[in-house]
Every structure is written in structure tokens, then in C-alpha cells.
PDB file of N, CA and C in Angstrom:
ATOM      1  N   UNK A   1     132.795  88.528 133.941  1.00  0.00           N
ATOM      2  CA  UNK A   1     131.363  88.608 133.749  1.00  0.00           C
ATOM      3  C   UNK A   1     130.943  90.035 133.381  1.00  0.00           C
ATOM      4  N   UNK A   2     131.583  91.034 134.008  1.00  0.00           N
ATOM      5  CA  UNK A   2     131.259  92.422 133.715  1.00  0.00           C
ATOM      6  C   UNK A   2     131.632  92.751 132.260  1.00  0.00           C
ATOM      7  N   UNK A   3     132.760  92.219 131.820  1.00  0.00           N
ATOM      8  CA  UNK A   3     133.196  92.475 130.454  1.00  0.00           C
ATOM      9  C   UNK A   3     132.226  91.847 129.450  1.00  0.00           C
ATOM     10  N   UNK A   4     131.712  90.677 129.776  1.00  0.00           N
ATOM     11  CA  UNK A   4     130.755  90.011 128.901  1.00  0.00           C
ATOM     12  C   UNK A   4     129.452  90.805 128.809  1.00  0.00           C
ATOM     13  N   UNK A   5     128.968  91.317 129.924  1.00  0.00           N
ATOM     14  CA  UNK A   5     127.744  92.113 129.943  1.00  0.00           C
ATOM     15  C   UNK A   5     127.958  93.427 129.183  1.00  0.00           C
ATOM     16  N   UNK A   6     129.129  94.042 129.370  1.00  0.00           N
ATOM     17  CA  UNK A   6     129.446  95.276 128.656  1.00  0.00           C
ATOM     18  C   UNK A   6     129.513  95.023 127.147  1.00  0.00           C
ATOM     19  N   UNK A   7     130.122  93.923 126.756  1.00  0.00           N
ATOM     20  CA  UNK A   7     130.217  93.559 125.345  1.00  0.00           C
ATOM     21  C   UNK A   7     128.825  93.316 124.747  1.00  0.00           C
ATOM     22  N   UNK A   8     127.957  92.630 125.471  1.00  0.00           N
ATOM     23  CA  UNK A   8     126.590  92.394 125.003  1.00  0.00           C
ATOM     24  C   UNK A   8     125.812  93.709 124.891  1.00  0.00           C
ATOM     25  N   UNK A   9     126.018  94.597 125.847  1.00  0.00           N
ATOM     26  CA  UNK A   9     125.344  95.898 125.802  1.00  0.00           C
ATOM     27  C   UNK A   9     125.776  96.709 124.597  1.00  0.00           C
ATOM     28  N   UNK A  10     127.066  96.756 124.332  1.00  0.00           N
ATOM     29  CA  UNK A  10     127.584  97.498 123.184  1.00  0.00           C
ATOM     30  C   UNK A  10     127.101  96.867 121.885  1.00  0.00           C
ATOM     31  N   UNK A  11     127.097  95.566 121.817  1.00  0.00           N
ATOM     32  CA  UNK A  11     126.630  94.861 120.627  1.00  0.00           C
ATOM     33  C   UNK A  11     125.145  95.132 120.367  1.00  0.00           C
ATOM     34  N   UNK A  12     124.368  95.128 121.434  1.00  0.00           N
ATOM     35  CA  UNK A  12     122.940  95.406 121.303  1.00  0.00           C
ATOM     36  C   UNK A  12     122.696  96.837 120.829  1.00  0.00           C
ATOM     37  N   UNK A  13     123.471  97.786 121.330  1.00  0.00           N
ATOM     38  CA  UNK A  13     123.323  99.179 120.911  1.00  0.00           C
ATOM     39  C   UNK A  13     123.702  99.348 119.441  1.00  0.00           C
ATOM     40  N   UNK A  14     124.738  98.658 118.985  1.00  0.00           N
ATOM     41  CA  UNK A  14     125.138  98.744 117.576  1.00  0.00           C
ATOM     42  C   UNK A  14     124.052  98.197 116.660  1.00  0.00           C
ATOM     43  N   UNK A  15     123.440  97.104 117.032  1.00  0.00           N
ATOM     44  CA  UNK A  15     122.366  96.526 116.229  1.00  0.00           C
ATOM     45  C   UNK A  15     121.180  97.479 116.200  1.00  0.00           C
ATOM     46  N   UNK A  16     120.843  98.085 117.323  1.00  0.00           N
ATOM     47  CA  UNK A  16     119.718  99.013 117.393  1.00  0.00           C
ATOM     48  C   UNK A  16     119.961 100.238 116.529  1.00  0.00           C
ATOM     49  N   UNK A  17     121.151 100.821 116.594  1.00  0.00           N
ATOM     50  CA  UNK A  17     121.453 101.996 115.791  1.00  0.00           C
ATOM     51  C   UNK A  17     121.530 101.662 114.305  1.00  0.00           C
ATOM     52  N   UNK A  18     122.042 100.498 113.977  1.00  0.00           N
ATOM     53  CA  UNK A  18     122.098 100.106 112.574  1.00  0.00           C
ATOM     54  C   UNK A  18     120.692  99.946 112.023  1.00  0.00           C
ATOM     55  N   UNK A  19     119.784  99.429 112.802  1.00  0.00           N
ATOM     56  CA  UNK A  19     118.401  99.256 112.360  1.00  0.00           C
ATOM     57  C   UNK A  19     117.713 100.606 112.199  1.00  0.00           C
ATOM     58  N   UNK A  20     118.032 101.578 113.041  1.00  0.00           N
ATOM     59  CA  UNK A  20     117.410 102.895 112.975  1.00  0.00           C
ATOM     60  C   UNK A  20     117.863 103.662 111.735  1.00  0.00           C
ATOM     61  N   UNK A  21     119.036 103.371 111.212  1.00  0.00           N
ATOM     62  CA  UNK A  21     119.537 104.077 110.037  1.00  0.00           C
ATOM     63  C   UNK A  21     118.917 103.572 108.743  1.00  0.00           C
ATOM     64  N   UNK A  22     118.270 102.425 108.769  1.00  0.00           N
ATOM     65  CA  UNK A  22     117.649 101.851 107.585  1.00  0.00           C
ATOM     66  C   UNK A  22     116.266 102.478 107.383  1.00  0.00           C
ATOM     67  N   UNK A  23     116.248 103.680 106.767  1.00  0.00           N
ATOM     68  CA  UNK A  23     115.005 104.427 106.596  1.00  0.00           C
ATOM     69  C   UNK A  23     114.498 104.229 105.174  1.00  0.00           C
ATOM     70  N   UNK A  24     113.231 103.886 105.049  1.00  0.00           N
ATOM     71  CA  UNK A  24     112.618 103.707 103.737  1.00  0.00           C
ATOM     72  C   UNK A  24     111.908 104.997 103.336  1.00  0.00           C
ATOM     73  N   UNK A  25     111.772 105.247 102.034  1.00  0.00           N
ATOM     74  CA  UNK A  25     111.057 106.452 101.614  1.00  0.00           C
ATOM     75  C   UNK A  25     109.587 106.395 102.015  1.00  0.00           C
ATOM     76  N   UNK A  26     109.036 107.532 102.325  1.00  0.00           N
ATOM     77  CA  UNK A  26     107.650 107.619 102.771  1.00  0.00           C
ATOM     78  C   UNK A  26     106.772 107.964 101.578  1.00  0.00           C
ATOM     79  N   UNK A  27     105.670 107.244 101.429  1.00  0.00           N
ATOM     80  CA  UNK A  27     104.728 107.532 100.353  1.00  0.00           C
ATOM     81  C   UNK A  27     103.864 108.721 100.724  1.00  0.00           C
ATOM     82  N   UNK A  28     103.533 109.507  99.747  1.00  0.00           N
ATOM     83  CA  UNK A  28     102.611 110.618  99.935  1.00  0.00           C
ATOM     84  C   UNK A  28     101.394 110.320  99.055  1.00  0.00           C
ATOM     85  N   UNK A  29     100.502 109.461  99.551  1.00  0.00           N
ATOM     86  CA  UNK A  29      99.362 108.983  98.760  1.00  0.00           C
ATOM     87  C   UNK A  29      98.448 110.110  98.300  1.00  0.00           C
ATOM     88  N   UNK A  30      98.085 111.076  99.160  1.00  0.00           N
ATOM     89  CA  UNK A  30      97.230 112.167  98.664  1.00  0.00           C
ATOM     90  C   UNK A  30      97.875 112.962  97.524  1.00  0.00           C
ATOM     91  N   UNK A  31      99.177 113.168  97.599  1.00  0.00           N
ATOM     92  CA  UNK A  31      99.867 113.884  96.528  1.00  0.00           C
ATOM     93  C   UNK A  31      99.901 113.045  95.253  1.00  0.00           C
ATOM     94  N   UNK A  32     100.008 111.733  95.408  1.00  0.00           N
ATOM     95  CA  UNK A  32      99.985 110.842  94.242  1.00  0.00           C
ATOM     96  C   UNK A  32      98.625 110.901  93.560  1.00  0.00           C
ATOM     97  N   UNK A  33      97.557 110.956  94.342  1.00  0.00           N
ATOM     98  CA  UNK A  33      96.208 111.052  93.775  1.00  0.00           C
ATOM     99  C   UNK A  33      96.047 112.362  93.004  1.00  0.00           C
ATOM    100  N   UNK A  34      96.558 113.451  93.552  1.00  0.00           N
ATOM    101  CA  UNK A  34      96.487 114.747  92.865  1.00  0.00           C
ATOM    102  C   UNK A  34      97.259 114.692  91.547  1.00  0.00           C
ATOM    103  N   UNK A  35      98.445 114.083  91.557  1.00  0.00           N
ATOM    104  CA  UNK A  35      99.240 113.969  90.332  1.00  0.00           C
ATOM    105  C   UNK A  35      98.522 113.137  89.274  1.00  0.00           C
ATOM    106  N   UNK A  36      97.926 112.043  89.680  1.00  0.00           N
ATOM    107  CA  UNK A  36      97.223 111.183  88.729  1.00  0.00           C
ATOM    108  C   UNK A  36      95.994 111.896  88.178  1.00  0.00           C
ATOM    109  N   UNK A  37      95.302 112.655  89.009  1.00  0.00           N
ATOM    110  CA  UNK A  37      94.146 113.414  88.541  1.00  0.00           C
ATOM    111  C   UNK A  37      94.565 114.435  87.488  1.00  0.00           C
ATOM    112  N   UNK A  38      95.688 115.110  87.713  1.00  0.00           N
ATOM    113  CA  UNK A  38      96.194 116.073  86.732  1.00  0.00           C
ATOM    114  C   UNK A  38      96.576 115.376  85.424  1.00  0.00           C
ATOM    115  N   UNK A  39      97.224 114.211  85.536  1.00  0.00           N
ATOM    116  CA  UNK A  39      97.638 113.489  84.342  1.00  0.00           C
ATOM    117  C   UNK A  39      96.438 113.008  83.521  1.00  0.00           C
ATOM    118  N   UNK A  40      95.371 112.604  84.201  1.00  0.00           N
ATOM    119  CA  UNK A  40      94.188 112.125  83.490  1.00  0.00           C
ATOM    120  C   UNK A  40      93.492 113.248  82.734  1.00  0.00           C
ATOM    121  N   UNK A  41      93.423 114.408  83.323  1.00  0.00           N
ATOM    122  CA  UNK A  41      92.787 115.541  82.663  1.00  0.00           C
ATOM    123  C   UNK A  41      91.310 115.285  82.419  1.00  0.00           C
ATOM    124  N   UNK A  42      90.782 115.871  81.350  1.00  0.00           N
ATOM    125  CA  UNK A  42      89.374 115.669  81.029  1.00  0.00           C
ATOM    126  C   UNK A  42      89.217 114.422  80.174  1.00  0.00           C
ATOM    127  N   UNK A  43      88.051 113.852  80.260  1.00  0.00           N
ATOM    128  CA  UNK A  43      87.752 112.634  79.524  1.00  0.00           C
ATOM    129  C   UNK A  43      87.537 112.976  78.051  1.00  0.00           C
ATOM    130  N   UNK A  44      88.310 112.355  77.181  1.00  0.00           N
ATOM    131  CA  UNK A  44      88.203 112.638  75.750  1.00  0.00           C
ATOM    132  C   UNK A  44      87.887 111.354  74.995  1.00  0.00           C
ATOM    133  N   UNK A  45      86.655 110.883  75.133  1.00  0.00           N
ATOM    134  CA  UNK A  45      86.214 109.734  74.341  1.00  0.00           C
ATOM    135  C   UNK A  45      84.957 110.149  73.596  1.00  0.00           C
ATOM    136  N   UNK A  46      84.702 109.494  72.505  1.00  0.00           N
ATOM    137  CA  UNK A  46      83.557 109.836  71.667  1.00  0.00           C
ATOM    138  C   UNK A  46      82.281 109.118  72.098  1.00  0.00           C
ATOM    139  N   UNK A  47      82.398 108.258  73.051  1.00  0.00           N
ATOM    140  CA  UNK A  47      81.270 107.445  73.490  1.00  0.00           C
ATOM    141  C   UNK A  47      80.479 108.176  74.583  1.00  0.00           C
ATOM    142  N   UNK A  48      79.154 108.224  74.435  1.00  0.00           N
ATOM    143  CA  UNK A  48      78.309 108.820  75.468  1.00  0.00           C
ATOM    144  C   UNK A  48      78.003 107.782  76.539  1.00  0.00           C
ATOM    145  N   UNK A  49      77.937 108.240  77.773  1.00  0.00           N
ATOM    146  CA  UNK A  49      77.546 107.350  78.856  1.00  0.00           C
ATOM    147  C   UNK A  49      76.616 108.119  79.779  1.00  0.00           C
ATOM    148  N   UNK A  50      75.675 107.399  80.372  1.00  0.00           N
ATOM    149  CA  UNK A  50      74.635 108.048  81.167  1.00  0.00           C
ATOM    150  C   UNK A  50      74.866 107.942  82.663  1.00  0.00           C
ATOM    151  N   UNK A  51      75.503 106.876  83.107  1.00  0.00           N
ATOM    152  CA  UNK A  51      75.763 106.691  84.527  1.00  0.00           C
ATOM    153  C   UNK A  51      77.235 106.951  84.820  1.00  0.00           C
ATOM    154  N   UNK A  52      77.507 107.310  86.061  1.00  0.00           N
ATOM    155  CA  UNK A  52      78.901 107.478  86.482  1.00  0.00           C
ATOM    156  C   UNK A  52      79.586 106.113  86.447  1.00  0.00           C
ATOM    157  N   UNK A  53      80.808 106.116  86.007  1.00  0.00           N
ATOM    158  CA  UNK A  53      81.583 104.882  85.882  1.00  0.00           C
ATOM    159  C   UNK A  53      82.746 104.923  86.877  1.00  0.00           C
ATOM    160  N   UNK A  54      82.810 103.938  87.758  1.00  0.00           N
ATOM    161  CA  UNK A  54      83.889 103.844  88.731  1.00  0.00           C
ATOM    162  C   UNK A  54      84.833 102.743  88.290  1.00  0.00           C
ATOM    163  N   UNK A  55      86.103 103.089  88.169  1.00  0.00           N
ATOM    164  CA  UNK A  55      87.106 102.150  87.680  1.00  0.00           C
ATOM    165  C   UNK A  55      88.239 102.052  88.695  1.00  0.00           C
ATOM    166  N   UNK A  56      88.599 100.840  89.033  1.00  0.00           N
ATOM    167  CA  UNK A  56      89.744 100.588  89.922  1.00  0.00           C
ATOM    168  C   UNK A  56      90.894 100.102  89.049  1.00  0.00           C
ATOM    169  N   UNK A  57      92.065 100.691  89.273  1.00  0.00           N
ATOM    170  CA  UNK A  57      93.235 100.226  88.526  1.00  0.00           C
ATOM    171  C   UNK A  57      94.429 100.130  89.458  1.00  0.00           C
ATOM    172  N   UNK A  58      95.352  99.270  89.092  1.00  0.00           N
ATOM    173  CA  UNK A  58      96.576  99.112  89.875  1.00  0.00           C
ATOM    174  C   UNK A  58      97.763  99.529  89.015  1.00  0.00           C
ATOM    175  N   UNK A  59      98.731 100.125  89.673  1.00  0.00           N
ATOM    176  CA  UNK A  59      99.912 100.637  88.978  1.00  0.00           C
ATOM    177  C   UNK A  59     101.104 100.594  89.916  1.00  0.00           C
ATOM    178  N   UNK A  60     102.270 100.747  89.333  1.00  0.00           N
ATOM    179  CA  UNK A  60     103.489 100.871  90.134  1.00  0.00           C
ATOM    180  C   UNK A  60     104.431 101.814  89.411  1.00  0.00           C
ATOM    181  N   UNK A  61     105.433 102.255  90.127  1.00  0.00           N
ATOM    182  CA  UNK A  61     106.427 103.174  89.577  1.00  0.00           C
ATOM    183  C   UNK A  61     107.700 102.381  89.310  1.00  0.00           C
ATOM    184  N   UNK A  62     108.266 102.549  88.114  1.00  0.00           N
ATOM    185  CA  UNK A  62     109.515 101.854  87.801  1.00  0.00           C
ATOM    186  C   UNK A  62     110.720 102.658  88.297  1.00  0.00           C
ATOM    187  N   UNK A  63     111.903 102.180  88.016  1.00  0.00           N
ATOM    188  CA  UNK A  63     113.120 102.830  88.527  1.00  0.00           C
ATOM    189  C   UNK A  63     113.370 104.196  87.901  1.00  0.00           C
ATOM    190  N   UNK A  64     112.719 104.497  86.780  1.00  0.00           N
ATOM    191  CA  UNK A  64     112.860 105.803  86.126  1.00  0.00           C
ATOM    192  C   UNK A  64     111.783 106.785  86.567  1.00  0.00           C
ATOM    193  N   UNK A  65     111.061 106.482  87.651  1.00  0.00           N
ATOM    194  CA  UNK A  65     109.954 107.291  88.171  1.00  0.00           C
ATOM    195  C   UNK A  65     108.845 107.482  87.141  1.00  0.00           C
ATOM    196  N   UNK A  66     108.557 106.428  86.398  1.00  0.00           N
ATOM    197  CA  UNK A  66     107.457 106.433  85.445  1.00  0.00           C
ATOM    198  C   UNK A  66     106.349 105.534  85.974  1.00  0.00           C
ATOM    199  N   UNK A  67     105.126 105.987  85.858  1.00  0.00           N
ATOM    200  CA  UNK A  67     103.972 105.219  86.298  1.00  0.00           C
ATOM    201  C   UNK A  67     103.665 104.143  85.258  1.00  0.00           C
ATOM    202  N   UNK A  68     103.527 102.902  85.704  1.00  0.00           N
ATOM    203  CA  UNK A  68     103.212 101.792  84.810  1.00  0.00           C
ATOM    204  C   UNK A  68     101.872 101.213  85.245  1.00  0.00           C
ATOM    205  N   UNK A  69     100.869 101.297  84.363  1.00  0.00           N
ATOM    206  CA  UNK A  69      99.539 100.763  84.663  1.00  0.00           C
ATOM    207  C   UNK A  69      99.589  99.259  84.439  1.00  0.00           C
ATOM    208  N   UNK A  70      99.232  98.496  85.470  1.00  0.00           N
ATOM    209  CA  UNK A  70      99.310  97.043  85.388  1.00  0.00           C
ATOM    210  C   UNK A  70      97.965  96.399  85.074  1.00  0.00           C
ATOM    211  N   UNK A  71      96.907  96.904  85.711  1.00  0.00           N
ATOM    212  CA  UNK A  71      95.604  96.275  85.540  1.00  0.00           C
ATOM    213  C   UNK A  71      94.519  97.337  85.658  1.00  0.00           C
ATOM    214  N   UNK A  72      93.526  97.255  84.775  1.00  0.00           N
ATOM    215  CA  UNK A  72      92.379  98.155  84.799  1.00  0.00           C
ATOM    216  C   UNK A  72      91.129  97.291  84.876  1.00  0.00           C
ATOM    217  N   UNK A  73      90.340  97.474  85.930  1.00  0.00           N
ATOM    218  CA  UNK A  73      89.152  96.650  86.135  1.00  0.00           C
ATOM    219  C   UNK A  73      87.911  97.325  85.570  1.00  0.00           C
ATOM    220  N   UNK A  74      87.729  97.190  84.270  1.00  0.00           N
ATOM    221  CA  UNK A  74      86.520  97.661  83.615  1.00  0.00           C
ATOM    222  C   UNK A  74      86.319  96.867  82.336  1.00  0.00           C
ATOM    223  N   UNK A  75      85.075  96.719  81.957  1.00  0.00           N
ATOM    224  CA  UNK A  75      84.770  96.023  80.702  1.00  0.00           C
ATOM    225  C   UNK A  75      84.656  97.017  79.550  1.00  0.00           C
ATOM    226  N   UNK A  76      84.537  98.307  79.865  1.00  0.00           N
ATOM    227  CA  UNK A  76      84.398  99.334  78.861  1.00  0.00           C
ATOM    228  C   UNK A  76      85.777  99.662  78.274  1.00  0.00           C
ATOM    229  N   UNK A  77      85.978  99.290  77.024  1.00  0.00           N
ATOM    230  CA  UNK A  77      87.286  99.475  76.380  1.00  0.00           C
ATOM    231  C   UNK A  77      87.647 100.943  76.183  1.00  0.00           C
ATOM    232  N   UNK A  78      86.662 101.811  76.006  1.00  0.00           N
ATOM    233  CA  UNK A  78      86.943 103.238  75.809  1.00  0.00           C
ATOM    234  C   UNK A  78      87.574 103.839  77.063  1.00  0.00           C
ATOM    235  N   UNK A  79      87.003 103.519  78.233  1.00  0.00           N
ATOM    236  CA  UNK A  79      87.563 104.023  79.490  1.00  0.00           C
ATOM    237  C   UNK A  79      88.943 103.420  79.741  1.00  0.00           C
ATOM    238  N   UNK A  80      89.063 102.138  79.459  1.00  0.00           N
ATOM    239  CA  UNK A  80      90.326 101.442  79.694  1.00  0.00           C
ATOM    240  C   UNK A  80      91.452 102.036  78.843  1.00  0.00           C
ATOM    241  N   UNK A  81      91.190 102.242  77.559  1.00  0.00           N
ATOM    242  CA  UNK A  81      92.233 102.786  76.685  1.00  0.00           C
ATOM    243  C   UNK A  81      92.558 104.237  77.039  1.00  0.00           C
ATOM    244  N   UNK A  82      91.541 105.010  77.445  1.00  0.00           N
ATOM    245  CA  UNK A  82      91.793 106.400  77.866  1.00  0.00           C
ATOM    246  C   UNK A  82      92.713 106.428  79.079  1.00  0.00           C
ATOM    247  N   UNK A  83      92.428 105.591  80.046  1.00  0.00           N
ATOM    248  CA  UNK A  83      93.228 105.547  81.278  1.00  0.00           C
ATOM    249  C   UNK A  83      94.659 105.123  80.984  1.00  0.00           C
ATOM    250  N   UNK A  84      94.820 104.087  80.186  1.00  0.00           N
ATOM    251  CA  UNK A  84      96.164 103.595  79.870  1.00  0.00           C
ATOM    252  C   UNK A  84      96.929 104.620  79.034  1.00  0.00           C
ATOM    253  N   UNK A  85      96.255 105.228  78.070  1.00  0.00           N
ATOM    254  CA  UNK A  85      96.908 106.210  77.202  1.00  0.00           C
ATOM    255  C   UNK A  85      97.382 107.427  77.991  1.00  0.00           C
ATOM    256  N   UNK A  86      96.593 107.884  78.943  1.00  0.00           N
ATOM    257  CA  UNK A  86      96.950 109.093  79.703  1.00  0.00           C
ATOM    258  C   UNK A  86      97.996 108.840  80.793  1.00  0.00           C
ATOM    259  N   UNK A  87      98.003 107.641  81.380  1.00  0.00           N
ATOM    260  CA  UNK A  87      98.845 107.404  82.557  1.00  0.00           C
ATOM    261  C   UNK A  87     100.094 106.573  82.314  1.00  0.00           C
ATOM    262  N   UNK A  88     100.045 105.646  81.376  1.00  0.00           N
ATOM    263  CA  UNK A  88     101.142 104.699  81.225  1.00  0.00           C
ATOM    264  C   UNK A  88     102.437 105.398  80.825  1.00  0.00           C
ATOM    265  N   UNK A  89     103.492 105.155  81.591  1.00  0.00           N
ATOM    266  CA  UNK A  89     104.840 105.677  81.389  1.00  0.00           C
ATOM    267  C   UNK A  89     104.923 107.199  81.478  1.00  0.00           C
ATOM    268  N   UNK A  90     104.078 107.798  82.302  1.00  0.00           N
ATOM    269  CA  UNK A  90     104.170 109.228  82.579  1.00  0.00           C
ATOM    270  C   UNK A  90     105.066 109.426  83.801  1.00  0.00           C
ATOM    271  N   UNK A  91     105.870 110.464  83.786  1.00  0.00           N
ATOM    272  CA  UNK A  91     106.786 110.752  84.893  1.00  0.00           C
ATOM    273  C   UNK A  91     106.007 111.174  86.135  1.00  0.00           C
ATOM    274  N   UNK A  92     106.461 110.694  87.296  1.00  0.00           N
ATOM    275  CA  UNK A  92     105.885 111.032  88.593  1.00  0.00           C
ATOM    276  C   UNK A  92     106.978 111.701  89.412  1.00  0.00           C
ATOM    277  N   UNK A  93     106.598 112.658  90.252  1.00  0.00           N
ATOM    278  CA  UNK A  93     107.586 113.339  91.095  1.00  0.00           C
ATOM    279  C   UNK A  93     108.309 112.341  91.988  1.00  0.00           C
ATOM    280  N   UNK A  94     109.590 112.573  92.205  1.00  0.00           N
ATOM    281  CA  UNK A  94     110.365 111.712  93.105  1.00  0.00           C
ATOM    282  C   UNK A  94     109.855 111.869  94.524  1.00  0.00           C
ATOM    283  N   UNK A  95     109.819 110.779  95.265  1.00  0.00           N
ATOM    284  CA  UNK A  95     109.426 110.810  96.668  1.00  0.00           C
ATOM    285  C   UNK A  95     107.935 110.705  96.905  1.00  0.00           C
ATOM    286  N   UNK A  96     107.134 110.802  95.843  1.00  0.00           N
ATOM    287  CA  UNK A  96     105.684 110.704  96.013  1.00  0.00           C
ATOM    288  C   UNK A  96     105.267 109.248  96.104  1.00  0.00           C
ATOM    289  N   UNK A  97     105.841 108.417  95.243  1.00  0.00           N
ATOM    290  CA  UNK A  97     105.526 106.995  95.213  1.00  0.00           C
ATOM    291  C   UNK A  97     106.834 106.205  95.239  1.00  0.00           C
ATOM    292  N   UNK A  98     106.831 105.082  95.928  1.00  0.00           N
ATOM    293  CA  UNK A  98     108.015 104.247  96.065  1.00  0.00           C
ATOM    294  C   UNK A  98     108.140 103.332  94.844  1.00  0.00           C
ATOM    295  N   UNK A  99     109.280 103.348  94.156  1.00  0.00           N
ATOM    296  CA  UNK A  99     109.460 102.450  93.010  1.00  0.00           C
ATOM    297  C   UNK A  99     109.339 100.985  93.420  1.00  0.00           C
ATOM    298  N   UNK A 100     108.610 100.218  92.611  1.00  0.00           N
ATOM    299  CA  UNK A 100     108.442  98.797  92.856  1.00  0.00           C
ATOM    300  C   UNK A 100     107.262  98.434  93.742  1.00  0.00           C
ATOM    301  N   UNK A 101     106.631  99.397  94.354  1.00  0.00           N
ATOM    302  CA  UNK A 101     105.501  99.137  95.241  1.00  0.00           C
ATOM    303  C   UNK A 101     104.195  99.201  94.442  1.00  0.00           C
ATOM    304  N   UNK A 102     103.287  98.268  94.705  1.00  0.00           N
ATOM    305  CA  UNK A 102     102.010  98.198  94.002  1.00  0.00           C
ATOM    306  C   UNK A 102     101.012  99.162  94.643  1.00  0.00           C
ATOM    307  N   UNK A 103     100.368  99.976  93.808  1.00  0.00           N
ATOM    308  CA  UNK A 103      99.365 100.940  94.268  1.00  0.00           C
ATOM    309  C   UNK A 103      98.037 100.636  93.615  1.00  0.00           C
ATOM    310  N   UNK A 104      96.961 100.934  94.316  1.00  0.00           N
ATOM    311  CA  UNK A 104      95.619 100.753  93.784  1.00  0.00           C
ATOM    312  C   UNK A 104      94.875 102.081  93.891  1.00  0.00           C
ATOM    313  N   UNK A 105      94.245 102.494  92.789  1.00  0.00           N
ATOM    314  CA  UNK A 105      93.527 103.756  92.736  1.00  0.00           C
ATOM    315  C   UNK A 105      92.117 103.518  92.215  1.00  0.00           C
ATOM    316  N   UNK A 106      91.228 104.435  92.548  1.00  0.00           N
ATOM    317  CA  UNK A 106      89.860 104.398  92.040  1.00  0.00           C
ATOM    318  C   UNK A 106      89.608 105.715  91.312  1.00  0.00           C
ATOM    319  N   UNK A 107      89.093 105.606  90.075  1.00  0.00           N
ATOM    320  CA  UNK A 107      88.774 106.775  89.268  1.00  0.00           C
ATOM    321  C   UNK A 107      87.284 106.729  88.986  1.00  0.00           C
ATOM    322  N   UNK A 108      86.636 107.888  89.105  1.00  0.00           N
ATOM    323  CA  UNK A 108      85.204 107.954  88.832  1.00  0.00           C
ATOM    324  C   UNK A 108      84.975 108.955  87.710  1.00  0.00           C
ATOM    325  N   UNK A 109      84.418 108.448  86.598  1.00  0.00           N
ATOM    326  CA  UNK A 109      84.066 109.289  85.466  1.00  0.00           C
ATOM    327  C   UNK A 109      82.574 109.614  85.574  1.00  0.00           C
ATOM    328  N   UNK A 110      82.243 110.907  85.498  1.00  0.00           N
ATOM    329  CA  UNK A 110      80.844 111.340  85.612  1.00  0.00           C
ATOM    330  C   UNK A 110      80.394 111.941  84.286  1.00  0.00           C
ATOM    331  N   UNK A 111      79.152 111.659  83.862  1.00  0.00           N
ATOM    332  CA  UNK A 111      78.656 112.267  82.635  1.00  0.00           C
ATOM    333  C   UNK A 111      78.380 113.754  82.856  1.00  0.00           C
ATOM    334  N   UNK A 112      78.471 114.533  81.800  1.00  0.00           N
ATOM    335  CA  UNK A 112      78.235 115.975  81.914  1.00  0.00           C
ATOM    336  C   UNK A 112      76.759 116.275  81.842  1.00  0.00           C
TER     337      UNK A 112
END
């Protein structure tokens, strides 16, 4: 009986340690927002707008650490094309975003 309890204890410890070694990369969301803001730069469209425009978009990082824009929630084609042109397939720093994970961001364009 003692040997059985010892065997169960050792087995339980092995399972616990094996689970602790399975570490996933940690996202750095604030750093990702800073990177995306830098990539977007200034708004370069020829269309004038009077109100601030808030756009939500979803993206993910592929295995080559490139940002892939999946969906842009706006009816304004000028903003949509600007966002896709500036962000799609741009390199992102390793460790900032997890490849394959879906991210959602909000961008606010303000008139000058």
C-alpha cells in the first residue's frame, strides 16, 4: 500500500511539473497599440471629414510575424483602404503579439 501511494505521489508530481513547463508567450497589448499607431502614421486621404471617425478592426499575426487585417468596421472606403494599406502584412516585433490569435483594435481619426 505504501508503494502504491508513493507511486501515485510521484506520478502526480510529474504531471504537475510537466504542466508547469508548458508556458505560452505573453501578449504585450499596450506595446502592440504603440506599434500599430506608428505604422498608421498620419492620415493621408484626400477626403475632408468634419467629425471624428472611430473605426474598430480585427487583425492577427501570421507565422512570419506579419500583421494581417481581417475585418474593418466602417462604411467609409477612404478610411478602410488607408487602414488596410498601412497595416496589412507589416512586420511586428516578436513577442508583442501571439501568432494565430485574434486581436481587436479601435482607431480614432480626428479632423485637423
